[in-house]
């Protein structure tokens, strides 16, 4: 689909980040001794929070997507 608006491009980039970017290398670097269990818990919570932030940005752009986009949603009043 052709890039029709800037929010459309932003939405597609965010979707690509969520679907395609592998953060396992980041996790490998950050989850280390001395407390691996606690570091992994923090990493998992941080990754979940970051994903939710990206999802929120996507949700705020859904009403600006082209009408024929499968994720288009009317803005709620």
PDB file of N, CA and C in Angstrom:
ATOM      1  N   UNK A   1       0.853  -1.181   0.000  1.00  0.00           N
ATOM      2  CA  UNK A   1       0.000   0.000   0.000  1.00  0.00           C
ATOM      3  C   UNK A   1       0.897   1.242   0.000  1.00  0.00           C
ATOM      4  N   UNK A   2       0.545   2.198  -0.810  1.00  0.00           N
ATOM      5  CA  UNK A   2       1.280   3.453  -0.930  1.00  0.00           C
ATOM      6  C   UNK A   2       1.151   4.269   0.355  1.00  0.00           C
ATOM      7  N   UNK A   3       2.218   4.978   0.707  1.00  0.00           N
ATOM      8  CA  UNK A   3       2.193   5.870   1.871  1.00  0.00           C
ATOM      9  C   UNK A   3       1.275   7.044   1.549  1.00  0.00           C
ATOM     10  N   UNK A   4       0.144   7.132   2.239  1.00  0.00           N
ATOM     11  CA  UNK A   4      -0.842   8.163   1.913  1.00  0.00           C
ATOM     12  C   UNK A   4      -0.779   9.377   2.835  1.00  0.00           C
ATOM     13  N   UNK A   5      -0.339   9.169   4.079  1.00  0.00           N
ATOM     14  CA  UNK A   5      -0.197  10.280   5.025  1.00  0.00           C
ATOM     15  C   UNK A   5       0.992   9.986   5.937  1.00  0.00           C
ATOM     16  N   UNK A   6       1.469  11.006   6.617  1.00  0.00           N
ATOM     17  CA  UNK A   6       2.565  10.792   7.573  1.00  0.00           C
ATOM     18  C   UNK A   6       2.118   9.858   8.707  1.00  0.00           C
ATOM     19  N   UNK A   7       0.925  10.055   9.294  1.00  0.00           N
ATOM     20  CA  UNK A   7       0.495   9.106  10.334  1.00  0.00           C
ATOM     21  C   UNK A   7       0.391   7.671   9.811  1.00  0.00           C
ATOM     22  N   UNK A   8       0.048   7.502   8.539  1.00  0.00           N
ATOM     23  CA  UNK A   8      -0.007   6.170   7.945  1.00  0.00           C
ATOM     24  C   UNK A   8       1.380   5.536   7.958  1.00  0.00           C
ATOM     25  N   UNK A   9       2.392   6.304   7.570  1.00  0.00           N
ATOM     26  CA  UNK A   9       3.764   5.803   7.579  1.00  0.00           C
ATOM     27  C   UNK A   9       4.204   5.483   9.013  1.00  0.00           C
ATOM     28  N   UNK A  10       3.905   6.386   9.943  1.00  0.00           N
ATOM     29  CA  UNK A  10       4.269   6.146  11.340  1.00  0.00           C
ATOM     30  C   UNK A  10       3.642   4.853  11.845  1.00  0.00           C
ATOM     31  N   UNK A  11       2.370   4.665  11.541  1.00  0.00           N
ATOM     32  CA  UNK A  11       1.660   3.466  11.976  1.00  0.00           C
ATOM     33  C   UNK A  11       2.347   2.211  11.447  1.00  0.00           C
ATOM     34  N   UNK A  12       2.673   2.203  10.168  1.00  0.00           N
ATOM     35  CA  UNK A  12       3.304   1.027   9.560  1.00  0.00           C
ATOM     36  C   UNK A  12       4.697   0.769  10.142  1.00  0.00           C
ATOM     37  N   UNK A  13       5.440   1.827  10.451  1.00  0.00           N
ATOM     38  CA  UNK A  13       6.756   1.656  11.079  1.00  0.00           C
ATOM     39  C   UNK A  13       6.599   1.055  12.472  1.00  0.00           C
ATOM     40  N   UNK A  14       5.659   1.568  13.258  1.00  0.00           N
ATOM     41  CA  UNK A  14       5.420   1.012  14.589  1.00  0.00           C
ATOM     42  C   UNK A  14       5.017  -0.455  14.501  1.00  0.00           C
ATOM     43  N   UNK A  15       4.161  -0.771  13.535  1.00  0.00           N
ATOM     44  CA  UNK A  15       3.735  -2.167  13.360  1.00  0.00           C
ATOM     45  C   UNK A  15       4.931  -3.055  13.027  1.00  0.00           C
ATOM     46  N   UNK A  16       5.803  -2.562  12.168  1.00  0.00           N
ATOM     47  CA  UNK A  16       7.002  -3.322  11.804  1.00  0.00           C
ATOM     48  C   UNK A  16       7.896  -3.537  13.031  1.00  0.00           C
ATOM     49  N   UNK A  17       8.044  -2.518  13.849  1.00  0.00           N
ATOM     50  CA  UNK A  17       8.857  -2.646  15.060  1.00  0.00           C
ATOM     51  C   UNK A  17       8.299  -3.745  15.953  1.00  0.00           C
ATOM     52  N   UNK A  18       7.005  -3.734  16.185  1.00  0.00           N
ATOM     53  CA  UNK A  18       6.397  -4.743  17.052  1.00  0.00           C
ATOM     54  C   UNK A  18       6.482  -6.150  16.452  1.00  0.00           C
ATOM     55  N   UNK A  19       6.316  -6.259  15.142  1.00  0.00           N
ATOM     56  CA  UNK A  19       6.261  -7.578  14.504  1.00  0.00           C
ATOM     57  C   UNK A  19       7.624  -8.168  14.181  1.00  0.00           C
ATOM     58  N   UNK A  20       8.592  -7.330  13.854  1.00  0.00           N
ATOM     59  CA  UNK A  20       9.827  -7.841  13.263  1.00  0.00           C
ATOM     60  C   UNK A  20      11.100  -7.653  14.077  1.00  0.00           C
ATOM     61  N   UNK A  21      11.134  -6.693  14.969  1.00  0.00           N
ATOM     62  CA  UNK A  21      12.371  -6.407  15.686  1.00  0.00           C
ATOM     63  C   UNK A  21      12.554  -7.420  16.820  1.00  0.00           C
ATOM     64  N   UNK A  22      13.698  -8.108  16.781  1.00  0.00           N
ATOM     65  CA  UNK A  22      14.038  -9.110  17.790  1.00  0.00           C
ATOM     66  C   UNK A  22      14.877  -8.442  18.875  1.00  0.00           C
ATOM     67  N   UNK A  23      14.379  -8.447  20.096  1.00  0.00           N
ATOM     68  CA  UNK A  23      15.094  -7.785  21.185  1.00  0.00           C
ATOM     69  C   UNK A  23      15.902  -8.776  22.032  1.00  0.00           C
ATOM     70  N   UNK A  24      16.056  -9.986  21.566  1.00  0.00           N
ATOM     71  CA  UNK A  24      16.778 -10.990  22.354  1.00  0.00           C
ATOM     72  C   UNK A  24      18.235 -10.607  22.585  1.00  0.00           C
ATOM     73  N   UNK A  25      18.862  -9.929  21.633  1.00  0.00           N
ATOM     74  CA  UNK A  25      20.250  -9.504  21.826  1.00  0.00           C
ATOM     75  C   UNK A  25      20.344  -8.446  22.927  1.00  0.00           C
ATOM     76  N   UNK A  26      19.364  -7.577  22.992  1.00  0.00           N
ATOM     77  CA  UNK A  26      19.336  -6.568  24.051  1.00  0.00           C
ATOM     78  C   UNK A  26      19.165  -7.262  25.398  1.00  0.00           C
ATOM     79  N   UNK A  27      18.271  -8.251  25.425  1.00  0.00           N
ATOM     80  CA  UNK A  27      18.034  -9.004  26.665  1.00  0.00           C
ATOM     81  C   UNK A  27      19.303  -9.713  27.112  1.00  0.00           C
ATOM     82  N   UNK A  28      20.020 -10.299  26.171  1.00  0.00           N
ATOM     83  CA  UNK A  28      21.275 -10.986  26.482  1.00  0.00           C
ATOM     84  C   UNK A  28      22.270 -10.056  27.162  1.00  0.00           C
ATOM     85  N   UNK A  29      22.348  -8.827  26.679  1.00  0.00           N
ATOM     86  CA  UNK A  29      23.298  -7.855  27.232  1.00  0.00           C
ATOM     87  C   UNK A  29      22.865  -7.324  28.597  1.00  0.00           C
ATOM     88  N   UNK A  30      21.562  -7.276  28.835  1.00  0.00           N
ATOM     89  CA  UNK A  30      21.075  -6.638  30.050  1.00  0.00           C
ATOM     90  C   UNK A  30      20.788  -7.614  31.189  1.00  0.00           C
ATOM     91  N   UNK A  31      20.504  -8.860  30.857  1.00  0.00           N
ATOM     92  CA  UNK A  31      20.191  -9.845  31.893  1.00  0.00           C
ATOM     93  C   UNK A  31      21.468 -10.620  32.211  1.00  0.00           C
ATOM     94  N   UNK A  32      22.193 -10.114  33.215  1.00  0.00           N
ATOM     95  CA  UNK A  32      23.491 -10.686  33.586  1.00  0.00           C
ATOM     96  C   UNK A  32      23.587 -10.820  35.111  1.00  0.00           C
ATOM     97  N   UNK A  33      24.659 -11.453  35.536  1.00  0.00           N
ATOM     98  CA  UNK A  33      24.942 -11.606  36.969  1.00  0.00           C
ATOM     99  C   UNK A  33      25.015 -10.232  37.619  1.00  0.00           C
ATOM    100  N   UNK A  34      24.822 -10.065  38.882  1.00  0.00           N
ATOM    101  CA  UNK A  34      24.728 -11.126  39.872  1.00  0.00           C
ATOM    102  C   UNK A  34      23.314 -11.653  40.082  1.00  0.00           C
ATOM    103  N   UNK A  35      22.280 -10.902  39.744  1.00  0.00           N
ATOM    104  CA  UNK A  35      20.904 -11.353  40.017  1.00  0.00           C
ATOM    105  C   UNK A  35      20.164 -11.509  38.705  1.00  0.00           C
ATOM    106  N   UNK A  36      20.427 -12.603  38.016  1.00  0.00           N
ATOM    107  CA  UNK A  36      19.827 -12.836  36.695  1.00  0.00           C
ATOM    108  C   UNK A  36      18.307 -12.859  36.774  1.00  0.00           C
ATOM    109  N   UNK A  37      17.775 -13.506  37.798  1.00  0.00           N
ATOM    110  CA  UNK A  37      16.317 -13.616  37.904  1.00  0.00           C
ATOM    111  C   UNK A  37      15.657 -12.244  38.023  1.00  0.00           C
ATOM    112  N   UNK A  38      16.225 -11.373  38.844  1.00  0.00           N
ATOM    113  CA  UNK A  38      15.651 -10.032  39.016  1.00  0.00           C
ATOM    114  C   UNK A  38      15.850  -9.192  37.750  1.00  0.00           C
ATOM    115  N   UNK A  39      17.028  -9.309  37.132  1.00  0.00           N
ATOM    116  CA  UNK A  39      17.286  -8.560  35.898  1.00  0.00           C
ATOM    117  C   UNK A  39      16.337  -9.009  34.788  1.00  0.00           C
ATOM    118  N   UNK A  40      16.062 -10.299  34.707  1.00  0.00           N
ATOM    119  CA  UNK A  40      15.145 -10.800  33.679  1.00  0.00           C
ATOM    120  C   UNK A  40      13.725 -10.307  33.929  1.00  0.00           C
ATOM    121  N   UNK A  41      13.330 -10.286  35.192  1.00  0.00           N
ATOM    122  CA  UNK A  41      12.001  -9.766  35.540  1.00  0.00           C
ATOM    123  C   UNK A  41      11.877  -8.301  35.132  1.00  0.00           C
ATOM    124  N   UNK A  42      12.900  -7.501  35.432  1.00  0.00           N
ATOM    125  CA  UNK A  42      12.890  -6.083  35.052  1.00  0.00           C
ATOM    126  C   UNK A  42      12.855  -5.921  33.538  1.00  0.00           C
ATOM    127  N   UNK A  43      13.673  -6.717  32.854  1.00  0.00           N
ATOM    128  CA  UNK A  43      13.720  -6.615  31.400  1.00  0.00           C
ATOM    129  C   UNK A  43      12.354  -6.945  30.805  1.00  0.00           C
ATOM    130  N   UNK A  44      11.759  -8.029  31.247  1.00  0.00           N
ATOM    131  CA  UNK A  44      10.454  -8.434  30.709  1.00  0.00           C
ATOM    132  C   UNK A  44       9.391  -7.373  30.941  1.00  0.00           C
ATOM    133  N   UNK A  45       9.394  -6.779  32.130  1.00  0.00           N
ATOM    134  CA  UNK A  45       8.423  -5.713  32.425  1.00  0.00           C
ATOM    135  C   UNK A  45       8.689  -4.481  31.563  1.00  0.00           C
ATOM    136  N   UNK A  46       9.976  -4.140  31.384  1.00  0.00           N
ATOM    137  CA  UNK A  46      10.327  -2.996  30.547  1.00  0.00           C
ATOM    138  C   UNK A  46       9.958  -3.221  29.087  1.00  0.00           C
ATOM    139  N   UNK A  47      10.189  -4.429  28.598  1.00  0.00           N
ATOM    140  CA  UNK A  47       9.849  -4.751  27.207  1.00  0.00           C
ATOM    141  C   UNK A  47       8.336  -4.694  27.003  1.00  0.00           C
ATOM    142  N   UNK A  48       7.600  -5.197  27.966  1.00  0.00           N
ATOM    143  CA  UNK A  48       6.132  -5.147  27.882  1.00  0.00           C
ATOM    144  C   UNK A  48       5.639  -3.703  27.899  1.00  0.00           C
ATOM    145  N   UNK A  49       6.246  -2.882  28.744  1.00  0.00           N
ATOM    146  CA  UNK A  49       5.878  -1.469  28.828  1.00  0.00           C
ATOM    147  C   UNK A  49       6.194  -0.743  27.525  1.00  0.00           C
ATOM    148  N   UNK A  50       7.365  -1.013  26.947  1.00  0.00           N
ATOM    149  CA  UNK A  50       7.743  -0.376  25.681  1.00  0.00           C
ATOM    150  C   UNK A  50       6.783  -0.782  24.563  1.00  0.00           C
ATOM    151  N   UNK A  51       6.421  -2.060  24.522  1.00  0.00           N
ATOM    152  CA  UNK A  51       5.475  -2.535  23.507  1.00  0.00           C
ATOM    153  C   UNK A  51       4.121  -1.846  23.671  1.00  0.00           C
ATOM    154  N   UNK A  52       3.697  -1.638  24.918  1.00  0.00           N
ATOM    155  CA  UNK A  52       2.425  -0.971  25.168  1.00  0.00           C
ATOM    156  C   UNK A  52       2.478   0.492  24.737  1.00  0.00           C
ATOM    157  N   UNK A  53       3.616   1.153  24.952  1.00  0.00           N
ATOM    158  CA  UNK A  53       3.770   2.539  24.497  1.00  0.00           C
ATOM    159  C   UNK A  53       3.647   2.626  22.978  1.00  0.00           C
ATOM    160  N   UNK A  54       4.287   1.707  22.287  1.00  0.00           N
ATOM    161  CA  UNK A  54       4.203   1.687  20.819  1.00  0.00           C
ATOM    162  C   UNK A  54       2.774   1.412  20.383  1.00  0.00           C
ATOM    163  N   UNK A  55       2.113   0.466  21.051  1.00  0.00           N
ATOM    164  CA  UNK A  55       0.718   0.147  20.713  1.00  0.00           C
ATOM    165  C   UNK A  55      -0.174   1.370  20.933  1.00  0.00           C
ATOM    166  N   UNK A  56       0.063   2.120  21.996  1.00  0.00           N
ATOM    167  CA  UNK A  56      -0.721   3.338  22.261  1.00  0.00           C
ATOM    168  C   UNK A  56      -0.531   4.361  21.141  1.00  0.00           C
ATOM    169  N   UNK A  57       0.716   4.510  20.675  1.00  0.00           N
ATOM    170  CA  UNK A  57       0.971   5.444  19.573  1.00  0.00           C
ATOM    171  C   UNK A  57       0.242   4.980  18.311  1.00  0.00           C
ATOM    172  N   UNK A  58       0.206   3.675  18.087  1.00  0.00           N
ATOM    173  CA  UNK A  58      -0.515   3.147  16.924  1.00  0.00           C
ATOM    174  C   UNK A  58      -2.008   3.424  17.050  1.00  0.00           C
ATOM    175  N   UNK A  59      -2.547   3.180  18.237  1.00  0.00           N
ATOM    176  CA  UNK A  59      -3.986   3.385  18.456  1.00  0.00           C
ATOM    177  C   UNK A  59      -4.396   4.833  18.207  1.00  0.00           C
ATOM    178  N   UNK A  60      -3.511   5.783  18.564  1.00  0.00           N
ATOM    179  CA  UNK A  60      -3.822   7.205  18.359  1.00  0.00           C
ATOM    180  C   UNK A  60      -3.779   7.607  16.887  1.00  0.00           C
ATOM    181  N   UNK A  61      -3.272   6.737  16.037  1.00  0.00           N
ATOM    182  CA  UNK A  61      -3.187   7.049  14.607  1.00  0.00           C
ATOM    183  C   UNK A  61      -4.200   6.266  13.765  1.00  0.00           C
ATOM    184  N   UNK A  62      -4.934   5.368  14.357  1.00  0.00           N
ATOM    185  CA  UNK A  62      -5.843   4.500  13.579  1.00  0.00           C
ATOM    186  C   UNK A  62      -6.900   5.285  12.815  1.00  0.00           C
ATOM    187  N   UNK A  63      -7.420   6.358  13.405  1.00  0.00           N
ATOM    188  CA  UNK A  63      -8.453   7.139  12.720  1.00  0.00           C
ATOM    189  C   UNK A  63      -7.876   7.978  11.577  1.00  0.00           C
ATOM    190  N   UNK A  64      -6.531   8.085  11.514  1.00  0.00           N
ATOM    191  CA  UNK A  64      -5.885   8.856  10.444  1.00  0.00           C
ATOM    192  C   UNK A  64      -5.406   7.966   9.300  1.00  0.00           C
ATOM    193  N   UNK A  65      -5.622   6.660   9.435  1.00  0.00           N
ATOM    194  CA  UNK A  65      -5.227   5.736   8.368  1.00  0.00           C
ATOM    195  C   UNK A  65      -6.161   5.904   7.172  1.00  0.00           C
ATOM    196  N   UNK A  66      -5.720   5.490   5.990  1.00  0.00           N
ATOM    197  CA  UNK A  66      -6.624   5.517   4.830  1.00  0.00           C
ATOM    198  C   UNK A  66      -7.874   4.670   5.120  1.00  0.00           C
ATOM    199  N   UNK A  67      -8.998   5.094   4.610  1.00  0.00           N
ATOM    200  CA  UNK A  67     -10.262   4.402   4.873  1.00  0.00           C
ATOM    201  C   UNK A  67     -10.213   2.936   4.471  1.00  0.00           C
ATOM    202  N   UNK A  68      -9.432   2.607   3.451  1.00  0.00           N
ATOM    203  CA  UNK A  68      -9.378   1.219   2.991  1.00  0.00           C
ATOM    204  C   UNK A  68      -8.327   0.377   3.717  1.00  0.00           C
ATOM    205  N   UNK A  69      -7.655   0.950   4.700  1.00  0.00           N
ATOM    206  CA  UNK A  69      -6.663   0.209   5.483  1.00  0.00           C
ATOM    207  C   UNK A  69      -7.403  -0.763   6.411  1.00  0.00           C
ATOM    208  N   UNK A  70      -6.915  -1.998   6.547  1.00  0.00           N
ATOM    209  CA  UNK A  70      -7.623  -2.984   7.387  1.00  0.00           C
ATOM    210  C   UNK A  70      -7.710  -2.578   8.867  1.00  0.00           C
ATOM    211  N   UNK A  71      -6.812  -1.721   9.341  1.00  0.00           N
ATOM    212  CA  UNK A  71      -6.829  -1.312  10.739  1.00  0.00           C
ATOM    213  C   UNK A  71      -7.486   0.035  10.978  1.00  0.00           C
ATOM    214  N   UNK A  72      -8.047   0.641   9.932  1.00  0.00           N
ATOM    215  CA  UNK A  72      -8.718   1.933  10.076  1.00  0.00           C
ATOM    216  C   UNK A  72      -9.860   1.802  11.084  1.00  0.00           C
ATOM    217  N   UNK A  73      -9.988   2.831  11.921  1.00  0.00           N
ATOM    218  CA  UNK A  73     -11.088   2.876  12.894  1.00  0.00           C
ATOM    219  C   UNK A  73     -11.544   4.323  13.016  1.00  0.00           C
ATOM    220  N   UNK A  74     -12.847   4.531  12.974  1.00  0.00           N
ATOM    221  CA  UNK A  74     -13.412   5.879  13.133  1.00  0.00           C
ATOM    222  C   UNK A  74     -13.009   6.452  14.478  1.00  0.00           C
ATOM    223  N   UNK A  75     -12.779   7.771  14.509  1.00  0.00           N
ATOM    224  CA  UNK A  75     -12.448   8.437  15.774  1.00  0.00           C
ATOM    225  C   UNK A  75     -13.697   8.495  16.634  1.00  0.00           C
ATOM    226  N   UNK A  76     -13.511   8.136  17.898  1.00  0.00           N
ATOM    227  CA  UNK A  76     -14.644   8.163  18.830  1.00  0.00           C
ATOM    228  C   UNK A  76     -14.858   9.584  19.329  1.00  0.00           C
ATOM    229  N   UNK A  77     -16.111   9.960  19.451  1.00  0.00           N
ATOM    230  CA  UNK A  77     -16.458  11.333  19.871  1.00  0.00           C
ATOM    231  C   UNK A  77     -16.295  11.533  21.346  1.00  0.00           C
TER     232      UNK A  77
END
